[in-house]
Amino acid sequence: MTALDLSSPVAVVGTGTMGQGIAQVALVAGHPVRLYDAAPGRARAASDAIGARLDRLVEKDRLTGADRDAARARLLPAEALADLADCALVVEAVVERLDVKQELFRELEGIVGEDCLLATNTSSLSVTAIGGALRLPGRFVGLHFFNPAPLLPLVEVVSGFATDVTYATRAYETARAWGKTPVACADTPGFIVNRIARPFYAEAFAVHEAQGADPATIDAVLRECGGFKMGAFELTDLIGQDVNESVTHSVWQSFFQDVRFTPSLAQRRLVESGRLGRKSGQGWYDYAEDVEPDEPHTAEKASPPAYVVAEGDLGPASEVLALIREAGIPVREEDEDHGSRLVLPSGGQLALADGQTSVEFRDVVYFDLALDYRRATRIALSASQDTSPHTLAEATGLFQALGKQVSVIGDVPGMIVARTVARIVDLAHDAVAKGVATEEDIDTAMRLGVNYPLGPFEWSRRLGRNWAYALLDDLHLRDPSGRYAPSLALYRHAYASDKREGNTS
């Protein structure tokens, strides 16, 4: 099936922010649009609000006056569900309650034609469960837009267990015809984005709960070292702690309380205290006008080492060696079989985060993974109480000589960026192995849906096939709860690489 013809009427049921946004997308694409809301007067008010947004698009030269007038003429508030009888597509954007959605679609099924495509915009409920109430569940799909729908390009097209592929294809092609970037996925808790994004929040919260670092420092490392647009604490304050925690809790429950998706107790306490983020004036951060923003921990100036000895190539951090040389610090290279690391003049060692802890070794400082070591403006270092202050000072001075600010955090295995990326990569491999979506669609979804600098498989290719598995395996040894146990899919991915290289031990 191809996309809906532009002459086909599209209906949106539910006129909140998301419903209005979806209606605007369909309207600007060229469809006649019907708006319906069970509350009297809301559909007309929503129609007026959409008209006002079209006016602003004209003012910004993003829409012509003629196109605005034509769009307004195609937008009609509906007084009753019966007014949607001739629609070719009905998208629901009502309250996130299974019983409410099921009852709505049962009623719609008795009104619209048998070829009408029915879609839910749910972000947390099962598409299969909603469609299970229908006589013809094959024409029922999920069309999960992201807020604000007119601006964000991603749409997750979700096939329930009973969805017919022809209707899923029609939904996919229609979203693409509307100027969106659709990705196809199976009906799994969280779909693609809300499933695979959980570690971005969970690992930041876990580092904080372990007293590894404060929110401002963790956020700064995720942004300035990891390349993420926002840190986990500031992003959840923007989303709303209640909203973010609700999604996390829903995914966790839907996966039968799988430990990999366990919600954060610290975030629960925020919600219980009413500190919901920007909308309440306080969350992880205080947004009162007279309060200075929290600053990340930044180490004081230290002297760089006179030289470093490179044992191995540092793997994903090999660019650091080039930066050290460019800074004028001599690098002596030695071939060693027992790992990749830098040896400092003090005898202490500097190693890329690998899932182990500094306290296990004599005088080791770990440094975090970076998206791009050349462009990163901040590097996190991790040390234990037994680490020599001189070694830590040399490591600090080394990265400062490379033009980086340095944040020293606690002895956290996997640090901040490394453990976060490893877990995202793992969940992505697991999702592909279970038929949730393709590698390409997952990468697209994570880049467009949550603005990640790289998709999980782009990260995986850049870091090496065995990197995420090795780091999580080490983390799992130190936290055997199962939270960090690598998936079978990631194990197979890493083992296949080893086998090709002749290492089957």
Protein backbone atom coordinates (compact mmCIF):
# COMPACT_ATOMS: atom_id res chain seq x y z
CA MET A 1 0.00 0.00 0.00
CA THR A 2 1.13 3.54 -0.71
CA ALA A 3 0.58 6.70 1.32
CA LEU A 4 -2.91 8.06 1.77
CA ASP A 5 -4.07 10.31 -1.03
CA LEU A 6 -4.06 13.98 -0.02
CA SER A 7 -7.78 14.15 -0.68
CA SER A 8 -8.38 11.58 2.08
CA PRO A 9 -9.66 13.12 5.33
CA VAL A 10 -7.58 12.53 8.44
CA ALA A 11 -9.05 12.73 11.94
CA VAL A 12 -7.31 13.38 15.24
CA VAL A 13 -9.10 12.43 18.46
CA GLY A 14 -7.76 14.31 21.47
CA THR A 15 -6.82 17.97 21.24
CA GLY A 16 -4.02 18.36 23.75
CA THR A 17 -0.55 19.49 22.74
CA MET A 18 0.25 16.25 20.92
CA GLY A 19 -3.13 15.98 19.21
CA GLN A 20 -2.87 19.54 17.93
CA GLY A 21 0.65 18.90 16.71
CA ILE A 22 -0.31 15.78 14.76
CA ALA A 23 -3.29 17.58 13.26
CA GLN A 24 -1.04 20.43 12.15
CA VAL A 25 1.37 18.00 10.48
CA ALA A 26 -1.42 16.31 8.49
CA LEU A 27 -2.98 19.68 7.66
CA VAL A 28 0.21 21.28 6.34
CA ALA A 29 0.86 18.11 4.31
CA GLY A 30 -2.39 18.82 2.46
CA HIS A 31 -5.09 16.65 4.03
CA PRO A 32 -8.56 17.71 5.14
CA VAL A 33 -8.39 17.32 8.93
CA ARG A 34 -11.15 16.74 11.47
CA LEU A 35 -10.53 17.46 15.14
CA TYR A 36 -12.59 15.76 17.84
CA ASP A 37 -12.50 15.98 21.62
CA ALA A 38 -15.00 14.56 24.08
CA ALA A 39 -14.95 17.81 26.08
CA PRO A 40 -17.36 20.35 24.54
CA GLY A 41 -15.66 23.32 22.90
CA ARG A 42 -12.14 21.90 22.97
CA ALA A 43 -12.03 20.90 19.33
CA ARG A 44 -12.97 24.41 18.22
CA ALA A 45 -10.45 25.95 20.63
CA ALA A 46 -7.76 23.60 19.29
CA SER A 47 -8.68 24.56 15.73
CA ASP A 48 -8.21 28.22 16.62
CA ALA A 49 -4.85 27.44 18.28
CA ILE A 50 -3.62 25.62 15.17
CA GLY A 51 -4.76 28.56 13.04
CA ALA A 52 -2.70 30.91 15.22
CA ARG A 53 0.38 28.69 14.78
CA LEU A 54 -0.13 28.76 11.01
CA ASP A 55 -0.15 32.57 11.25
CA ARG A 56 3.23 32.45 12.99
CA LEU A 57 4.60 30.20 10.25
CA VAL A 58 3.58 32.81 7.71
CA GLU A 59 5.28 35.53 9.77
CA LYS A 60 8.48 33.45 9.76
CA ASP A 61 8.25 32.87 5.99
CA ARG A 62 7.83 29.13 6.50
CA LEU A 63 4.37 29.10 4.94
CA THR A 64 2.73 31.29 2.33
CA GLY A 65 -0.42 33.19 3.09
CA ALA A 66 -2.29 31.29 0.39
CA ASP A 67 -1.21 27.93 1.83
CA ARG A 68 -2.27 29.06 5.30
CA ASP A 69 -5.71 30.06 4.08
CA ALA A 70 -6.12 26.78 2.22
CA ALA A 71 -5.07 24.83 5.33
CA ARG A 72 -7.51 26.70 7.52
CA ALA A 73 -10.29 25.87 5.09
CA ARG A 74 -9.42 22.15 5.38
CA LEU A 75 -9.49 22.15 9.20
CA LEU A 76 -12.85 21.34 10.74
CA PRO A 77 -13.81 20.74 14.38
CA ALA A 78 -16.09 17.72 14.76
CA GLU A 79 -19.07 17.81 17.09
CA ALA A 80 -19.34 14.03 17.38
CA LEU A 81 -17.38 10.88 16.54
CA ALA A 82 -19.97 10.18 13.86
CA ASP A 83 -18.56 13.16 11.94
CA LEU A 84 -15.42 11.07 11.30
CA ALA A 85 -17.25 8.41 9.29
CA ASP A 86 -15.58 9.19 5.95
CA CYS A 87 -12.01 9.51 7.30
CA ALA A 88 -9.26 7.31 5.87
CA LEU A 89 -7.08 7.63 8.98
CA VAL A 90 -7.95 8.31 12.61
CA VAL A 91 -5.11 9.04 15.02
CA GLU A 92 -5.86 8.91 18.74
CA ALA A 93 -4.01 11.12 21.22
CA VAL A 94 -6.11 10.84 24.39
CA VAL A 95 -5.21 10.01 27.99
CA GLU A 96 -2.76 7.10 28.51
CA ARG A 97 -5.29 4.61 29.86
CA LEU A 98 -5.83 1.26 28.20
CA ASP A 99 -9.55 1.08 28.97
CA VAL A 100 -10.20 4.58 27.60
CA LYS A 101 -8.33 3.89 24.36
CA GLN A 102 -9.96 0.49 23.85
CA GLU A 103 -13.45 1.92 24.32
CA LEU A 104 -12.70 4.79 21.91
CA PHE A 105 -11.52 2.46 19.15
CA ARG A 106 -14.42 0.06 19.67
CA GLU A 107 -16.76 2.98 19.12
CA LEU A 108 -14.77 4.24 16.12
CA GLU A 109 -14.83 0.81 14.50
CA GLY A 110 -18.60 1.01 14.32
CA ILE A 111 -18.42 4.41 12.59
CA VAL A 112 -15.58 4.43 10.05
CA GLY A 113 -15.25 2.29 6.93
CA GLU A 114 -13.59 -1.12 7.12
CA ASP A 115 -10.57 0.15 5.16
CA CYS A 116 -9.94 3.09 7.52
CA LEU A 117 -6.51 2.98 9.16
CA LEU A 118 -6.75 3.33 12.95
CA ALA A 119 -3.69 4.55 14.86
CA THR A 120 -2.70 5.29 18.43
CA ASN A 121 -0.03 7.77 19.48
CA THR A 122 0.60 5.93 22.76
CA SER A 123 4.13 6.09 24.11
CA SER A 124 3.76 3.61 26.97
CA LEU A 125 0.88 1.20 26.34
CA SER A 126 0.86 -1.96 24.25
CA VAL A 127 -0.38 -1.41 20.71
CA THR A 128 -1.38 -5.08 20.68
CA ALA A 129 -3.48 -4.68 23.82
CA ILE A 130 -5.29 -1.60 22.52
CA GLY A 131 -5.97 -3.26 19.17
CA GLY A 132 -7.06 -6.47 20.89
CA ALA A 133 -10.43 -4.87 21.57
CA LEU A 134 -11.15 -4.48 17.84
CA ARG A 135 -13.07 -6.67 15.43
CA LEU A 136 -10.47 -5.92 12.72
CA PRO A 137 -7.15 -5.48 14.57
CA GLY A 138 -5.16 -5.92 11.37
CA ARG A 139 -5.73 -2.27 10.40
CA PHE A 140 -4.57 -0.97 13.80
CA VAL A 141 -1.06 0.49 14.24
CA GLY A 142 0.96 2.73 16.49
CA LEU A 143 2.02 6.12 15.12
CA HIS A 144 4.24 7.48 17.85
CA PHE A 145 5.11 11.12 17.17
CA PHE A 146 7.57 13.03 19.33
CA ASN A 147 6.74 16.36 20.95
CA PRO A 148 6.52 18.92 19.40
CA ALA A 149 5.15 16.91 16.48
CA PRO A 150 5.43 19.71 13.85
CA LEU A 151 9.17 20.12 14.58
CA LEU A 152 10.57 16.71 15.46
CA PRO A 153 11.03 14.47 12.41
CA LEU A 154 10.83 10.99 13.95
CA VAL A 155 7.72 8.81 13.89
CA GLU A 156 7.82 5.25 15.26
CA VAL A 157 5.46 3.09 13.22
CA VAL A 158 4.56 0.25 15.58
CA SER A 159 3.07 -3.04 14.42
CA GLY A 160 1.01 -4.86 17.01
CA PHE A 161 0.89 -8.65 17.11
CA ALA A 162 -2.20 -8.65 14.85
CA THR A 163 -1.28 -5.71 12.59
CA ASP A 164 -1.42 -6.51 8.89
CA VAL A 165 1.79 -5.57 7.08
CA THR A 166 -0.18 -3.76 4.37
CA TYR A 167 -1.63 -1.33 6.91
CA ALA A 168 1.73 -0.87 8.63
CA THR A 169 3.20 -0.02 5.23
CA ARG A 170 0.40 2.48 4.56
CA ALA A 171 1.08 4.16 7.90
CA TYR A 172 4.83 4.23 7.21
CA GLU A 173 4.46 5.71 3.74
CA THR A 174 1.91 8.26 4.95
CA ALA A 175 4.25 9.47 7.67
CA ARG A 176 7.01 9.80 5.10
CA ALA A 177 4.69 11.70 2.73
CA TRP A 178 4.04 14.12 5.60
CA GLY A 179 7.74 14.99 5.66
CA LYS A 180 8.56 12.81 8.66
CA THR A 181 11.25 10.16 9.07
CA PRO A 182 9.44 6.94 9.95
CA VAL A 183 11.05 3.90 11.53
CA ALA A 184 9.35 0.51 11.72
CA CYS A 185 9.29 -1.41 14.97
CA ALA A 186 7.52 -4.28 16.68
CA ASP A 187 5.24 -3.76 19.65
CA THR A 188 7.72 -3.95 22.52
CA PRO A 189 7.75 -1.95 25.78
CA GLY A 190 9.11 1.51 25.03
CA PHE A 191 9.19 0.74 21.28
CA ILE A 192 12.66 1.84 20.08
CA VAL A 193 13.54 5.17 21.67
CA ASN A 194 12.03 4.77 25.13
CA ARG A 195 13.44 1.27 25.41
CA ILE A 196 17.01 1.94 24.33
CA ALA A 197 17.31 5.38 25.98
CA ARG A 198 16.76 4.10 29.53
CA PRO A 199 20.49 3.70 30.36
CA PHE A 200 21.18 7.34 29.49
CA TYR A 201 19.14 8.35 32.52
CA ALA A 202 19.66 5.24 34.66
CA GLU A 203 23.46 5.25 34.61
CA ALA A 204 23.71 8.96 35.40
CA PHE A 205 21.36 8.47 38.34
CA ALA A 206 23.30 5.37 39.46
CA VAL A 207 26.62 7.25 39.50
CA HIS A 208 24.99 10.00 41.56
CA GLU A 209 23.37 7.53 43.98
CA ALA A 210 26.77 5.86 44.46
CA GLN A 211 28.19 9.27 45.44
CA GLY A 212 30.45 9.15 42.40
CA ALA A 213 29.69 12.70 41.28
CA ASP A 214 27.10 15.45 41.60
CA PRO A 215 24.45 16.11 38.91
CA ALA A 216 26.18 19.17 37.46
CA THR A 217 29.45 17.28 36.99
CA ILE A 218 27.75 14.23 35.46
CA ASP A 219 25.79 16.45 33.06
CA ALA A 220 28.93 18.35 32.06
CA VAL A 221 30.81 15.12 31.33
CA LEU A 222 27.93 13.74 29.23
CA ARG A 223 27.82 16.98 27.21
CA GLU A 224 31.43 18.05 26.95
CA CYS A 225 33.02 14.61 26.79
CA GLY A 226 30.25 12.32 25.55
CA GLY A 227 28.91 14.72 22.95
CA PHE A 228 25.29 14.52 24.12
CA LYS A 229 23.27 17.71 23.66
CA MET A 230 22.06 17.68 27.27
CA GLY A 231 22.97 15.80 30.40
CA ALA A 232 20.57 13.33 32.00
CA PHE A 233 19.70 15.56 34.96
CA GLU A 234 18.97 18.72 32.99
CA LEU A 235 17.06 16.73 30.36
CA THR A 236 14.78 15.02 32.86
CA ASP A 237 14.19 18.39 34.55
CA LEU A 238 13.06 19.66 31.14
CA ILE A 239 10.90 16.61 30.38
CA GLY A 240 9.45 16.54 33.89
CA GLN A 241 10.62 14.08 36.53
CA ASP A 242 7.14 12.63 36.85
CA VAL A 243 6.87 12.04 33.11
CA ASN A 244 10.35 10.52 32.77
CA GLU A 245 9.93 8.30 35.82
CA SER A 246 6.51 7.15 34.60
CA VAL A 247 7.99 5.98 31.29
CA THR A 248 10.86 4.23 33.08
CA HIS A 249 8.43 2.52 35.47
CA SER A 250 6.16 1.46 32.61
CA VAL A 251 9.04 -0.11 30.66
CA TRP A 252 10.34 -1.85 33.81
CA GLN A 253 6.91 -3.29 34.66
CA SER A 254 6.24 -4.30 31.06
CA PHE A 255 9.50 -6.27 31.03
CA PHE A 256 8.39 -8.10 34.20
CA GLN A 257 10.64 -5.93 36.40
CA ASP A 258 13.78 -6.73 34.44
CA VAL A 259 16.70 -5.40 36.53
CA ARG A 260 18.18 -3.71 33.43
CA PHE A 261 15.30 -1.22 33.52
CA THR A 262 15.04 -0.68 37.29
CA PRO A 263 13.84 2.86 38.12
CA SER A 264 15.91 5.23 40.25
CA LEU A 265 15.06 5.60 43.92
CA ALA A 266 16.55 9.10 43.92
CA GLN A 267 14.25 10.12 41.07
CA ARG A 268 11.28 8.57 42.92
CA ARG A 269 12.07 10.79 45.92
CA LEU A 270 12.15 13.86 43.66
CA VAL A 271 8.70 13.04 42.33
CA GLU A 272 7.34 12.31 45.80
CA SER A 273 8.58 15.68 47.02
CA GLY A 274 6.97 17.53 44.11
CA ARG A 275 10.31 18.56 42.61
CA LEU A 276 9.32 17.84 39.04
CA GLY A 277 11.87 20.00 37.24
CA ARG A 278 11.45 23.25 35.38
CA LYS A 279 7.66 23.16 35.50
CA SER A 280 7.67 23.16 39.32
CA GLY A 281 10.70 25.44 39.71
CA GLN A 282 12.92 22.76 41.19
CA GLY A 283 14.07 19.28 40.27
CA TRP A 284 17.65 18.08 40.26
CA TYR A 285 18.43 21.79 39.93
CA ASP A 286 16.87 24.89 41.48
CA TYR A 287 15.39 27.26 38.88
CA ALA A 288 14.63 30.21 41.15
CA GLU A 289 15.75 33.50 39.59
CA ASP A 290 18.09 34.39 42.47
CA VAL A 291 19.86 31.01 42.53
CA GLU A 292 23.21 30.63 40.76
CA PRO A 293 23.39 27.59 38.43
CA ASP A 294 25.27 24.60 39.81
CA GLU A 295 28.80 24.34 38.43
CA PRO A 296 30.57 21.06 37.64
CA HIS A 297 33.56 20.03 39.66
CA THR A 298 36.67 21.18 37.79
CA ALA A 299 40.16 20.29 39.01
CA GLU A 300 42.66 23.01 39.79
CA LYS A 301 45.63 23.57 37.51
CA ALA A 302 48.31 20.90 37.69
CA SER A 303 51.65 20.40 35.97
CA PRO A 304 51.80 17.98 33.05
CA PRO A 305 54.18 15.00 33.18
CA ALA A 306 57.58 15.32 31.54
CA TYR A 307 56.80 12.31 29.34
CA VAL A 308 54.48 9.31 29.09
CA VAL A 309 55.12 5.70 28.17
CA ALA A 310 52.46 4.20 25.88
CA GLU A 311 51.89 0.48 26.33
CA GLY A 312 49.52 -0.56 23.56
CA ASP A 313 47.49 1.77 21.35
CA LEU A 314 44.71 2.80 23.83
CA GLY A 315 42.05 1.34 21.53
CA PRO A 316 39.09 3.76 21.17
CA ALA A 317 41.23 6.44 22.85
CA SER A 318 44.17 6.16 20.45
CA GLU A 319 43.65 9.79 19.37
CA VAL A 320 44.88 10.81 22.84
CA LEU A 321 48.42 9.76 21.85
CA ALA A 322 48.39 12.14 18.89
CA LEU A 323 47.11 14.96 21.10
CA ILE A 324 49.87 14.33 23.64
CA ARG A 325 52.52 14.57 20.96
CA GLU A 326 50.96 17.74 19.55
CA ALA A 327 51.11 19.24 23.04
CA GLY A 328 54.87 18.71 23.03
CA ILE A 329 54.93 15.94 25.62
CA PRO A 330 57.29 13.10 24.61
CA VAL A 331 55.65 9.70 24.11
CA ARG A 332 57.74 6.55 24.49
CA GLU A 333 56.07 3.52 22.94
CA GLU A 334 56.44 -0.02 24.24
CA ASP A 335 54.75 -3.16 22.94
CA GLU A 336 53.03 -4.95 25.77
CA ASP A 337 50.68 -7.95 25.78
CA HIS A 338 48.83 -7.09 28.98
CA GLY A 339 46.71 -4.13 27.93
CA SER A 340 46.63 -0.60 26.64
CA ARG A 341 47.63 2.16 29.05
CA LEU A 342 49.87 5.10 29.68
CA VAL A 343 52.60 4.91 32.32
CA LEU A 344 53.40 8.22 34.01
CA PRO A 345 56.81 9.27 35.34
CA SER A 346 55.61 8.57 38.88
CA GLY A 347 55.08 4.93 37.93
CA GLY A 348 51.33 5.33 38.09
CA GLN A 349 49.14 4.27 35.21
CA LEU A 350 46.43 5.96 33.19
CA ALA A 351 43.88 3.74 31.43
CA LEU A 352 40.64 4.08 29.52
CA ALA A 353 37.54 3.13 31.54
CA ASP A 354 37.01 -0.61 31.17
CA GLY A 355 34.48 -1.61 33.83
CA GLN A 356 37.07 -2.25 36.53
CA THR A 357 37.79 -0.11 39.57
CA SER A 358 40.91 1.83 40.47
CA VAL A 359 41.07 0.33 43.96
CA GLU A 360 41.82 -3.11 42.47
CA PHE A 361 45.18 -2.01 41.12
CA ARG A 362 48.26 -0.24 42.35
CA ASP A 363 48.12 3.43 41.47
CA VAL A 364 45.77 3.49 38.48
CA VAL A 365 43.74 6.47 37.25
CA TYR A 366 40.97 5.84 34.73
CA PHE A 367 39.78 8.33 32.13
CA ASP A 368 36.36 8.30 30.50
CA LEU A 369 35.30 7.54 26.95
CA ALA A 370 34.84 10.58 24.69
CA LEU A 371 32.88 10.97 21.50
CA ASP A 372 35.84 12.83 20.00
CA TYR A 373 38.95 13.35 22.14
CA ARG A 374 40.15 16.16 19.91
CA ARG A 375 36.94 18.17 20.22
CA ALA A 376 36.05 17.24 23.80
CA THR A 377 36.41 20.14 26.22
CA ARG A 378 36.18 18.09 29.42
CA ILE A 379 37.54 14.74 30.55
CA ALA A 380 36.53 12.81 33.66
CA LEU A 381 39.16 10.99 35.72
CA SER A 382 38.42 8.30 38.30
CA ALA A 383 40.65 7.41 41.20
CA SER A 384 40.37 5.53 44.50
CA GLN A 385 41.40 6.54 47.99
CA ASP A 386 44.58 4.51 47.47
CA THR A 387 45.64 6.34 44.31
CA SER A 388 48.78 8.40 44.76
CA PRO A 389 47.96 12.13 44.79
CA HIS A 390 51.03 12.66 42.61
CA THR A 391 49.74 10.20 39.98
CA LEU A 392 46.33 11.89 39.97
CA ALA A 393 48.00 15.29 39.63
CA GLU A 394 50.11 14.07 36.68
CA ALA A 395 47.00 12.64 34.98
CA THR A 396 45.13 15.88 35.60
CA GLY A 397 47.98 18.00 34.26
CA LEU A 398 48.30 15.78 31.20
CA PHE A 399 44.71 16.35 30.05
CA GLN A 400 44.85 20.02 30.99
CA ALA A 401 47.89 20.33 28.71
CA LEU A 402 45.65 18.95 25.94
CA GLY A 403 43.27 21.85 26.49
CA LYS A 404 40.68 19.94 28.53
CA GLN A 405 38.97 20.80 31.76
CA VAL A 406 39.21 17.89 34.17
CA SER A 407 36.53 16.54 36.50
CA VAL A 408 37.68 14.00 39.09
CA ILE A 409 34.91 11.60 40.12
CA GLY A 410 34.78 8.68 42.52
CA ASP A 411 36.02 5.17 41.85
CA VAL A 412 33.06 4.29 39.63
CA PRO A 413 33.53 1.24 37.38
CA GLY A 414 32.85 2.20 33.78
CA MET A 415 32.78 5.86 34.83
CA ILE A 416 30.02 7.95 33.16
CA VAL A 417 30.12 8.04 29.35
CA ALA A 418 31.67 4.59 28.90
CA ARG A 419 29.11 2.64 30.93
CA THR A 420 26.24 4.64 29.43
CA VAL A 421 27.30 4.00 25.85
CA ALA A 422 28.05 0.33 26.53
CA ARG A 423 24.57 -0.25 27.94
CA ILE A 424 22.90 1.60 25.06
CA VAL A 425 24.88 -0.51 22.58
CA ASP A 426 23.87 -3.68 24.43
CA LEU A 427 20.15 -2.87 24.45
CA ALA A 428 20.33 -2.02 20.75
CA HIS A 429 21.92 -5.36 19.84
CA ASP A 430 19.36 -7.14 22.01
CA ALA A 431 16.50 -5.29 20.28
CA VAL A 432 17.71 -6.29 16.81
CA ALA A 433 18.15 -9.92 17.87
CA LYS A 434 14.57 -9.96 19.15
CA GLY A 435 13.13 -8.50 15.96
CA VAL A 436 12.20 -5.10 17.38
CA ALA A 437 13.76 -3.09 14.54
CA THR A 438 16.69 -3.01 12.13
CA GLU A 439 20.11 -1.59 12.99
CA GLU A 440 19.53 1.28 10.58
CA ASP A 441 16.14 2.18 12.05
CA ILE A 442 17.48 2.02 15.60
CA ASP A 443 20.36 4.37 14.75
CA THR A 444 17.94 6.73 13.02
CA ALA A 445 15.50 6.64 15.93
CA MET A 446 18.13 7.42 18.56
CA ARG A 447 19.69 10.25 16.57
CA LEU A 448 16.38 11.90 15.67
CA GLY A 449 14.22 10.92 18.65
CA VAL A 450 16.60 11.86 21.46
CA ASN A 451 19.29 13.72 19.51
CA TYR A 452 22.16 11.34 20.30
CA PRO A 453 25.44 12.25 18.59
CA LEU A 454 25.72 8.71 17.19
CA GLY A 455 23.35 5.80 16.87
CA PRO A 456 24.16 2.72 19.01
CA PHE A 457 25.49 0.75 16.03
CA GLU A 458 27.54 3.72 14.86
CA TRP A 459 29.08 3.77 18.36
CA SER A 460 29.60 0.01 18.22
CA ARG A 461 31.45 0.14 14.90
CA ARG A 462 33.60 3.02 16.07
CA LEU A 463 34.53 1.40 19.38
CA GLY A 464 35.16 -2.11 18.11
CA ARG A 465 33.05 -5.25 18.19
CA ASN A 466 34.30 -6.46 21.58
CA TRP A 467 34.46 -3.14 23.45
CA ALA A 468 30.95 -2.94 24.92
CA TYR A 469 30.85 -6.64 25.79
CA ALA A 470 34.21 -6.53 27.61
CA LEU A 471 33.26 -3.44 29.61
CA LEU A 472 29.86 -4.80 30.64
CA ASP A 473 31.33 -8.20 31.49
CA ASP A 474 33.76 -6.51 33.87
CA LEU A 475 30.95 -4.40 35.33
CA HIS A 476 28.81 -7.51 35.82
CA LEU A 477 31.60 -9.16 37.82
CA ARG A 478 31.58 -6.18 40.17
CA ASP A 479 27.79 -5.84 40.30
CA PRO A 480 26.31 -9.32 39.81
CA SER A 481 22.71 -8.10 40.15
CA GLY A 482 22.21 -8.69 36.43
CA ARG A 483 21.90 -5.00 35.59
CA TYR A 484 25.15 -5.08 33.60
CA ALA A 485 25.07 -8.67 32.33
CA PRO A 486 25.75 -8.47 28.58
CA SER A 487 22.92 -9.76 26.43
CA LEU A 488 23.29 -12.98 24.47
CA ALA A 489 23.12 -10.88 21.30
CA LEU A 490 26.11 -8.78 22.37
CA TYR A 491 28.00 -11.91 23.42
CA ARG A 492 27.43 -13.43 19.99
CA HIS A 493 28.53 -10.22 18.34
CA ALA A 494 31.78 -10.11 20.33
CA TYR A 495 32.45 -13.85 20.06
CA ALA A 496 31.99 -13.82 16.29
CA SER A 497 34.71 -11.17 16.11
CA ASP A 498 37.07 -13.16 18.32
CA LYS A 499 36.47 -16.35 16.35
CA ARG A 500 37.29 -14.66 13.07
CA GLU A 501 40.52 -13.45 14.61
CA GLY A 502 41.36 -17.00 15.72
CA ASN A 503 40.82 -16.40 19.45
CA THR A 504 38.43 -19.01 20.81
CA SER A 505 39.78 -19.16 24.33
